[in-house]
Amino acid sequence: MNIAFEHLAIPAANPTALKNWYERVLGAREIFDNGQNPPTCLMALPQGGWFEIYAAESAPAERGNNQLAGFRHVALRVDSIDTARAELEKRGVPFTKEIRPAAGGGRVLFFEDLEGNLLHLVERPADSRLGRG
């Protein structure tokens, strides 16, 4: 059986605004739009991975709490956290946490999208035994 990760769903209070944020901030491009209002769309990141964005019925009370059960954050692999941080700051992303060690080696830096969903940059050493995944 061949199994591969395809996409992550992000129910949004404002799907259009969140789609626009992922385009502007992370360079994602729309690969599908159902043409409805509010829309459901699939967004592709430049180096792989998809997000499905659609209308939410409600928001969790503690969205930014990384210790709650269930899916908590999306890790985005970068060659350099320092370079990625500088570019994202130019695009209006505030960083409130410090860079810290990554599980399995390397460094991570957390931030939030437009609606408070947790993401983090992860930088792995060139000789990481984890490879490119």
N, C-alpha and C. Protein backbone atom coordinates (compact mmCIF):
# COMPACT_ATOMS: atom_id res chain seq x y z
N MET A 1 0.84 -1.18 0.00
CA MET A 1 0.00 0.00 0.00
C MET A 1 0.89 1.24 0.00
N ASN A 2 0.67 2.14 -0.94
CA ASN A 2 1.39 3.41 -0.99
C ASN A 2 0.54 4.49 -0.35
N ILE A 3 1.07 5.12 0.70
CA ILE A 3 0.37 6.19 1.38
C ILE A 3 1.27 7.41 1.41
N ALA A 4 0.73 8.55 1.02
CA ALA A 4 1.47 9.80 1.07
C ALA A 4 0.55 10.89 1.59
N PHE A 5 1.12 11.85 2.29
CA PHE A 5 0.36 12.99 2.77
C PHE A 5 -0.03 13.86 1.59
N GLU A 6 -1.31 14.23 1.49
CA GLU A 6 -1.74 15.08 0.39
C GLU A 6 -2.02 16.51 0.84
N HIS A 7 -2.95 16.70 1.78
CA HIS A 7 -3.25 18.07 2.18
C HIS A 7 -3.72 18.15 3.62
N LEU A 8 -3.68 19.36 4.15
CA LEU A 8 -4.16 19.67 5.48
C LEU A 8 -5.35 20.61 5.32
N ALA A 9 -6.44 20.35 6.03
CA ALA A 9 -7.62 21.20 5.97
C ALA A 9 -7.54 22.30 7.01
N ILE A 10 -7.91 23.52 6.60
CA ILE A 10 -7.94 24.66 7.52
C ILE A 10 -9.32 25.31 7.42
N PRO A 11 -10.25 24.95 8.30
CA PRO A 11 -11.52 25.65 8.34
C PRO A 11 -11.25 27.09 8.78
N ALA A 12 -11.83 28.07 8.09
CA ALA A 12 -11.51 29.48 8.34
C ALA A 12 -12.75 30.32 8.59
N ALA A 13 -12.62 31.30 9.48
CA ALA A 13 -13.70 32.27 9.69
C ALA A 13 -13.90 33.08 8.42
N ASN A 14 -12.81 33.40 7.72
CA ASN A 14 -12.88 34.14 6.46
C ASN A 14 -11.98 33.43 5.45
N PRO A 15 -12.52 32.45 4.72
CA PRO A 15 -11.70 31.67 3.80
C PRO A 15 -10.98 32.51 2.75
N THR A 16 -11.62 33.54 2.23
CA THR A 16 -10.99 34.37 1.20
C THR A 16 -9.79 35.12 1.76
N ALA A 17 -9.95 35.72 2.94
CA ALA A 17 -8.84 36.45 3.56
C ALA A 17 -7.68 35.51 3.89
N LEU A 18 -8.00 34.30 4.39
CA LEU A 18 -6.93 33.36 4.73
C LEU A 18 -6.23 32.87 3.47
N LYS A 19 -6.97 32.60 2.41
CA LYS A 19 -6.37 32.22 1.11
C LYS A 19 -5.41 33.31 0.65
N ASN A 20 -5.87 34.56 0.71
CA ASN A 20 -5.02 35.67 0.30
C ASN A 20 -3.75 35.78 1.14
N TRP A 21 -3.86 35.50 2.45
CA TRP A 21 -2.70 35.53 3.34
C TRP A 21 -1.68 34.47 2.92
N TYR A 22 -2.14 33.24 2.67
CA TYR A 22 -1.22 32.17 2.26
C TYR A 22 -0.56 32.48 0.92
N GLU A 23 -1.27 33.14 0.03
CA GLU A 23 -0.67 33.56 -1.25
C GLU A 23 0.40 34.63 -1.01
N ARG A 24 0.03 35.67 -0.27
CA ARG A 24 0.93 36.81 -0.07
C ARG A 24 2.13 36.47 0.81
N VAL A 25 1.90 35.75 1.90
CA VAL A 25 2.95 35.51 2.89
C VAL A 25 3.80 34.29 2.57
N LEU A 26 3.17 33.19 2.16
CA LEU A 26 3.93 31.96 1.94
C LEU A 26 4.13 31.63 0.46
N GLY A 27 3.61 32.45 -0.43
CA GLY A 27 3.79 32.20 -1.86
C GLY A 27 2.98 31.04 -2.39
N ALA A 28 1.92 30.66 -1.67
CA ALA A 28 1.05 29.57 -2.12
C ALA A 28 0.28 30.02 -3.37
N ARG A 29 -0.13 29.03 -4.16
CA ARG A 29 -0.94 29.35 -5.33
C ARG A 29 -2.19 28.48 -5.30
N GLU A 30 -3.28 29.06 -5.75
CA GLU A 30 -4.54 28.34 -5.80
C GLU A 30 -4.51 27.32 -6.93
N ILE A 31 -4.87 26.07 -6.60
CA ILE A 31 -4.94 25.03 -7.63
C ILE A 31 -6.36 24.52 -7.83
N PHE A 32 -7.27 24.94 -6.94
CA PHE A 32 -8.69 24.58 -7.09
C PHE A 32 -9.53 25.59 -6.33
N ASP A 33 -10.67 25.96 -6.91
CA ASP A 33 -11.67 26.81 -6.25
C ASP A 33 -13.02 26.26 -6.68
N ASN A 34 -13.89 26.00 -5.71
CA ASN A 34 -15.19 25.43 -6.05
C ASN A 34 -16.17 26.46 -6.62
N GLY A 35 -15.79 27.74 -6.67
CA GLY A 35 -16.63 28.76 -7.27
C GLY A 35 -17.81 29.19 -6.42
N GLN A 36 -17.87 28.75 -5.18
CA GLN A 36 -18.98 29.11 -4.31
C GLN A 36 -18.57 30.24 -3.36
N ASN A 37 -19.57 30.77 -2.66
CA ASN A 37 -19.30 31.80 -1.68
C ASN A 37 -19.97 31.40 -0.37
N PRO A 38 -19.21 31.11 0.67
CA PRO A 38 -17.76 31.21 0.75
C PRO A 38 -17.09 30.07 -0.02
N PRO A 39 -15.86 30.32 -0.45
CA PRO A 39 -15.18 29.32 -1.28
C PRO A 39 -14.57 28.18 -0.48
N THR A 40 -14.37 27.09 -1.18
CA THR A 40 -13.47 26.02 -0.74
C THR A 40 -12.38 25.99 -1.79
N CYS A 41 -11.13 26.05 -1.35
CA CYS A 41 -10.04 26.06 -2.32
C CYS A 41 -8.88 25.19 -1.84
N LEU A 42 -8.08 24.76 -2.77
CA LEU A 42 -6.83 24.06 -2.48
C LEU A 42 -5.69 24.99 -2.86
N MET A 43 -4.73 25.12 -1.95
CA MET A 43 -3.57 25.97 -2.13
C MET A 43 -2.31 25.10 -2.11
N ALA A 44 -1.41 25.33 -3.05
CA ALA A 44 -0.16 24.57 -3.11
C ALA A 44 1.00 25.48 -2.70
N LEU A 45 1.85 24.97 -1.81
CA LEU A 45 3.06 25.69 -1.43
C LEU A 45 4.11 25.53 -2.53
N PRO A 46 5.02 26.49 -2.67
CA PRO A 46 6.00 26.45 -3.76
C PRO A 46 6.84 25.16 -3.82
N GLN A 47 7.21 24.59 -2.68
CA GLN A 47 8.05 23.40 -2.67
C GLN A 47 7.30 22.13 -2.31
N GLY A 48 5.98 22.16 -2.38
CA GLY A 48 5.18 20.97 -2.12
C GLY A 48 4.29 21.12 -0.90
N GLY A 49 3.25 20.38 -0.88
CA GLY A 49 2.27 20.41 0.20
C GLY A 49 1.08 21.28 -0.17
N TRP A 50 -0.10 20.80 0.20
CA TRP A 50 -1.33 21.52 -0.10
C TRP A 50 -2.08 21.83 1.19
N PHE A 51 -2.84 22.94 1.14
CA PHE A 51 -3.80 23.30 2.18
C PHE A 51 -5.17 23.38 1.53
N GLU A 52 -6.18 22.85 2.20
CA GLU A 52 -7.57 23.06 1.78
C GLU A 52 -8.15 24.09 2.74
N ILE A 53 -8.68 25.18 2.21
CA ILE A 53 -9.26 26.23 3.03
C ILE A 53 -10.75 26.30 2.72
N TYR A 54 -11.57 26.27 3.77
CA TYR A 54 -13.01 26.32 3.60
C TYR A 54 -13.63 26.99 4.83
N ALA A 55 -14.92 27.29 4.76
CA ALA A 55 -15.61 28.01 5.83
C ALA A 55 -15.75 27.16 7.09
N ALA A 56 -15.44 27.77 8.23
CA ALA A 56 -15.58 27.11 9.54
C ALA A 56 -16.96 27.41 10.10
N GLU A 57 -17.46 26.48 10.91
CA GLU A 57 -18.72 26.72 11.62
C GLU A 57 -18.48 27.48 12.92
N SER A 58 -17.31 27.24 13.55
CA SER A 58 -16.95 27.92 14.79
C SER A 58 -15.44 27.78 14.97
N ALA A 59 -14.91 28.52 15.96
CA ALA A 59 -13.46 28.47 16.23
C ALA A 59 -13.22 27.86 17.60
N PRO A 60 -12.14 27.07 17.74
CA PRO A 60 -11.80 26.54 19.06
C PRO A 60 -11.34 27.67 19.98
N ALA A 61 -11.59 27.52 21.27
CA ALA A 61 -11.25 28.55 22.24
C ALA A 61 -9.74 28.76 22.38
N GLU A 62 -8.96 27.70 22.27
CA GLU A 62 -7.52 27.80 22.50
C GLU A 62 -6.72 27.38 21.26
N ARG A 63 -7.02 27.95 20.14
CA ARG A 63 -6.39 27.57 18.87
C ARG A 63 -4.86 27.58 18.94
N GLY A 64 -4.26 28.56 19.57
CA GLY A 64 -2.81 28.70 19.60
C GLY A 64 -2.11 27.86 20.65
N ASN A 65 -2.84 27.06 21.43
CA ASN A 65 -2.22 26.23 22.47
C ASN A 65 -1.65 24.97 21.84
N ASN A 66 -0.33 24.89 21.76
CA ASN A 66 0.35 23.77 21.11
C ASN A 66 0.36 22.49 21.94
N GLN A 67 -0.22 22.52 23.14
CA GLN A 67 -0.21 21.36 24.02
C GLN A 67 -1.53 20.60 24.05
N LEU A 68 -2.54 21.07 23.35
CA LEU A 68 -3.84 20.38 23.33
C LEU A 68 -3.75 19.13 22.46
N ALA A 69 -4.60 18.17 22.72
CA ALA A 69 -4.64 16.95 21.92
C ALA A 69 -5.08 17.25 20.50
N GLY A 70 -4.63 16.44 19.57
CA GLY A 70 -5.01 16.60 18.18
C GLY A 70 -3.92 17.30 17.38
N PHE A 71 -4.20 17.63 16.12
CA PHE A 71 -3.24 18.31 15.27
C PHE A 71 -3.05 19.72 15.80
N ARG A 72 -1.81 20.17 15.94
CA ARG A 72 -1.55 21.46 16.57
C ARG A 72 -0.79 22.46 15.71
N HIS A 73 0.06 22.03 14.82
CA HIS A 73 0.81 22.99 14.01
C HIS A 73 1.25 22.35 12.70
N VAL A 74 1.65 23.23 11.77
CA VAL A 74 2.20 22.79 10.49
C VAL A 74 3.65 23.23 10.45
N ALA A 75 4.55 22.30 10.20
CA ALA A 75 5.98 22.61 10.10
C ALA A 75 6.35 22.84 8.65
N LEU A 76 7.04 23.94 8.40
CA LEU A 76 7.45 24.32 7.05
C LEU A 76 8.97 24.29 6.97
N ARG A 77 9.51 23.35 6.21
CA ARG A 77 10.97 23.20 6.09
C ARG A 77 11.55 24.35 5.29
N VAL A 78 12.61 24.96 5.82
CA VAL A 78 13.35 26.03 5.14
C VAL A 78 14.84 25.73 5.21
N ASP A 79 15.59 26.30 4.28
CA ASP A 79 17.05 26.13 4.31
C ASP A 79 17.67 26.93 5.43
N SER A 80 17.12 28.12 5.71
CA SER A 80 17.65 29.01 6.74
C SER A 80 16.51 29.69 7.47
N ILE A 81 16.40 29.44 8.77
CA ILE A 81 15.38 30.11 9.57
C ILE A 81 15.61 31.62 9.57
N ASP A 82 16.86 32.04 9.66
CA ASP A 82 17.15 33.47 9.74
C ASP A 82 16.70 34.19 8.46
N THR A 83 16.97 33.61 7.31
CA THR A 83 16.57 34.20 6.03
C THR A 83 15.05 34.20 5.89
N ALA A 84 14.42 33.06 6.22
CA ALA A 84 12.96 32.95 6.12
C ALA A 84 12.28 33.92 7.08
N ARG A 85 12.81 34.03 8.29
CA ARG A 85 12.23 34.96 9.27
C ARG A 85 12.28 36.39 8.75
N ALA A 86 13.43 36.80 8.24
CA ALA A 86 13.58 38.16 7.73
C ALA A 86 12.58 38.43 6.60
N GLU A 87 12.42 37.47 5.69
CA GLU A 87 11.48 37.65 4.57
C GLU A 87 10.04 37.71 5.06
N LEU A 88 9.68 36.83 5.99
CA LEU A 88 8.32 36.82 6.51
C LEU A 88 8.01 38.08 7.31
N GLU A 89 8.99 38.59 8.04
CA GLU A 89 8.79 39.85 8.76
C GLU A 89 8.52 40.99 7.78
N LYS A 90 9.20 41.00 6.63
CA LYS A 90 8.94 42.00 5.60
C LYS A 90 7.50 41.89 5.09
N ARG A 91 6.93 40.68 5.15
CA ARG A 91 5.56 40.44 4.68
C ARG A 91 4.54 40.61 5.80
N GLY A 92 4.99 41.12 6.95
CA GLY A 92 4.08 41.45 8.04
C GLY A 92 3.86 40.40 9.09
N VAL A 93 4.64 39.31 9.09
CA VAL A 93 4.46 38.26 10.09
C VAL A 93 5.21 38.64 11.37
N PRO A 94 4.48 38.73 12.50
CA PRO A 94 5.17 38.97 13.77
C PRO A 94 5.65 37.65 14.38
N PHE A 95 6.82 37.67 14.95
CA PHE A 95 7.35 36.50 15.66
C PHE A 95 7.44 36.87 17.13
N THR A 96 6.76 36.09 17.98
CA THR A 96 6.74 36.39 19.41
C THR A 96 7.52 35.36 20.22
N LYS A 97 7.94 34.29 19.60
CA LYS A 97 8.69 33.23 20.27
C LYS A 97 10.14 33.25 19.78
N GLU A 98 11.01 32.66 20.57
CA GLU A 98 12.42 32.56 20.21
C GLU A 98 12.66 31.29 19.39
N ILE A 99 13.73 31.28 18.62
CA ILE A 99 14.17 30.06 17.92
C ILE A 99 14.60 29.06 18.98
N ARG A 100 14.21 27.81 18.76
CA ARG A 100 14.59 26.76 19.73
C ARG A 100 14.97 25.48 19.00
N PRO A 101 15.55 24.52 19.74
CA PRO A 101 15.96 23.26 19.10
C PRO A 101 14.76 22.49 18.56
N ALA A 102 14.98 21.81 17.44
CA ALA A 102 13.95 20.98 16.81
C ALA A 102 14.10 19.54 17.24
N ALA A 103 12.99 18.85 17.40
CA ALA A 103 13.03 17.41 17.64
C ALA A 103 13.73 16.77 16.45
N GLY A 104 14.69 15.92 16.68
CA GLY A 104 15.41 15.26 15.60
C GLY A 104 16.58 16.08 15.06
N GLY A 105 16.86 17.24 15.64
CA GLY A 105 17.99 18.07 15.22
C GLY A 105 17.57 19.26 14.39
N GLY A 106 18.27 20.35 14.54
CA GLY A 106 17.97 21.56 13.81
C GLY A 106 17.33 22.60 14.71
N ARG A 107 16.61 23.54 14.10
CA ARG A 107 15.99 24.63 14.84
C ARG A 107 14.57 24.87 14.33
N VAL A 108 13.70 25.39 15.22
CA VAL A 108 12.33 25.73 14.86
C VAL A 108 11.99 27.13 15.35
N LEU A 109 11.02 27.75 14.66
CA LEU A 109 10.53 29.06 15.04
C LEU A 109 9.04 29.12 14.74
N PHE A 110 8.23 29.30 15.78
CA PHE A 110 6.77 29.32 15.64
C PHE A 110 6.25 30.70 15.24
N PHE A 111 5.12 30.70 14.51
CA PHE A 111 4.38 31.91 14.19
C PHE A 111 2.94 31.50 13.90
N GLU A 112 2.07 32.49 13.68
CA GLU A 112 0.66 32.21 13.42
C GLU A 112 0.24 32.77 12.07
N ASP A 113 -0.75 32.12 11.46
CA ASP A 113 -1.32 32.68 10.24
C ASP A 113 -2.34 33.76 10.61
N LEU A 114 -3.03 34.28 9.63
CA LEU A 114 -3.98 35.37 9.82
C LEU A 114 -5.06 35.06 10.85
N GLU A 115 -5.44 33.78 11.00
CA GLU A 115 -6.51 33.40 11.93
C GLU A 115 -6.00 32.75 13.21
N GLY A 116 -4.69 32.79 13.44
CA GLY A 116 -4.13 32.27 14.69
C GLY A 116 -3.76 30.80 14.66
N ASN A 117 -3.77 30.16 13.48
CA ASN A 117 -3.33 28.77 13.38
C ASN A 117 -1.81 28.73 13.50
N LEU A 118 -1.31 27.75 14.23
CA LEU A 118 0.13 27.65 14.46
C LEU A 118 0.87 27.03 13.28
N LEU A 119 1.96 27.68 12.90
CA LEU A 119 2.89 27.15 11.91
C LEU A 119 4.28 27.30 12.51
N HIS A 120 5.22 26.56 11.99
CA HIS A 120 6.59 26.86 12.37
C HIS A 120 7.55 26.53 11.25
N LEU A 121 8.60 27.32 11.23
CA LEU A 121 9.71 27.08 10.31
C LEU A 121 10.59 26.03 10.96
N VAL A 122 11.11 25.12 10.17
CA VAL A 122 12.07 24.13 10.69
C VAL A 122 13.26 24.09 9.74
N GLU A 123 14.42 24.23 10.35
CA GLU A 123 15.69 24.19 9.62
C GLU A 123 16.45 22.96 10.11
N ARG A 124 16.85 22.11 9.19
CA ARG A 124 17.61 20.90 9.54
C ARG A 124 19.04 21.06 9.05
N PRO A 125 20.01 20.52 9.76
CA PRO A 125 21.38 20.57 9.30
C PRO A 125 21.52 19.84 7.96
N ALA A 126 22.48 20.25 7.15
CA ALA A 126 22.69 19.63 5.84
C ALA A 126 22.93 18.14 5.94
N ASP A 127 23.55 17.71 7.03
CA ASP A 127 23.84 16.28 7.22
C ASP A 127 22.80 15.57 8.07
N SER A 128 21.61 16.15 8.20
CA SER A 128 20.56 15.56 9.04
C SER A 128 20.22 14.16 8.56
N ARG A 129 20.09 13.25 9.47
CA ARG A 129 19.68 11.89 9.15
C ARG A 129 18.21 11.82 8.77
N LEU A 130 17.48 12.93 8.97
CA LEU A 130 16.07 12.97 8.61
C LEU A 130 15.85 13.28 7.13
N GLY A 131 16.88 13.72 6.44
CA GLY A 131 16.79 13.97 5.00
C GLY A 131 15.76 15.02 4.68
N ARG A 132 15.17 14.92 3.52
CA ARG A 132 14.16 15.88 3.08
C ARG A 132 12.75 15.29 3.20
N GLY A 133 12.61 14.20 3.89
CA GLY A 133 11.31 13.68 4.24
C GLY A 133 10.61 12.86 3.26
